[in-house]
Amino acid sequence: MREVEPMAVTEVRVSVYPAGLAPQAIAEKIKEKFPEQVIDIAEFRDQVSVIVKRDQIFQILRYLHDDPLLSLDHLQDLTAVDYQKKKEIRFEVVYNLYSIRYRHHIRIRAQVPENDTKIASVVPIWAGADWHERECFDMFGIEFSGHPDLRRILMPEDWEGYPLRKDYPLQGPALENDWPEFIQVLKRSKELREFEWEG
């Protein structure tokens, strides 16, 4: 009878971190750590937001990123909201954070007044915040202090105004005040109309 050779067995162990904290529990941790900075904790359709002052936004977000029990290491999104005539403080910068390790998340909303639109850049924490902050600057005029290259990202460099502000004209500026290159395109388009095919 033929002998069967023993097979090599490789043991593979997969470890999965336990599910993380509920958003409300994360919000309470922030409030406990930065009691003077938290203005409110709001919940809407199972989404918890912590509304904070902008003064220590960098320290708050650094804490959420670095604390080993929170480990909110993924900045899912960074945007702004204009509450003109809806709230006393006009703007909010919104950070949606997620922990890849624990699979928990939280939303942070930092208030930014209209007369001083500066807030600390978080690029040193999440390098991916770079273009998000440029977009916020371009669309809302929010200035991110310490950003390595804060300039327009969607609009031309010489564009005036911030298109996503509530007081920006819906139809853009009057034609004579529009972007010079756009006026050239319109003029050229008119010149070439005689070659349009009417078949």
Foldseek 3Di string as FASTA:
>chain_A
DDDDDDDDDDDDDDDAAEAADQQVVVLVVLCVVCVPFFDDWDDDPSAIETEGAQPCVLVSVLCQCPPPRRNQQDFPAWAKDACVVNDPQGMWIKTWTAHPRNGYIHIYIYGAHPVGQEHAQNCVRPVVCQVRVLLRCQAPVRHHPPRPDRAHDPDDRPDDDHNNHPPADPVHDDPVPDDVVVVVVVVVVVVCPVVDDPD
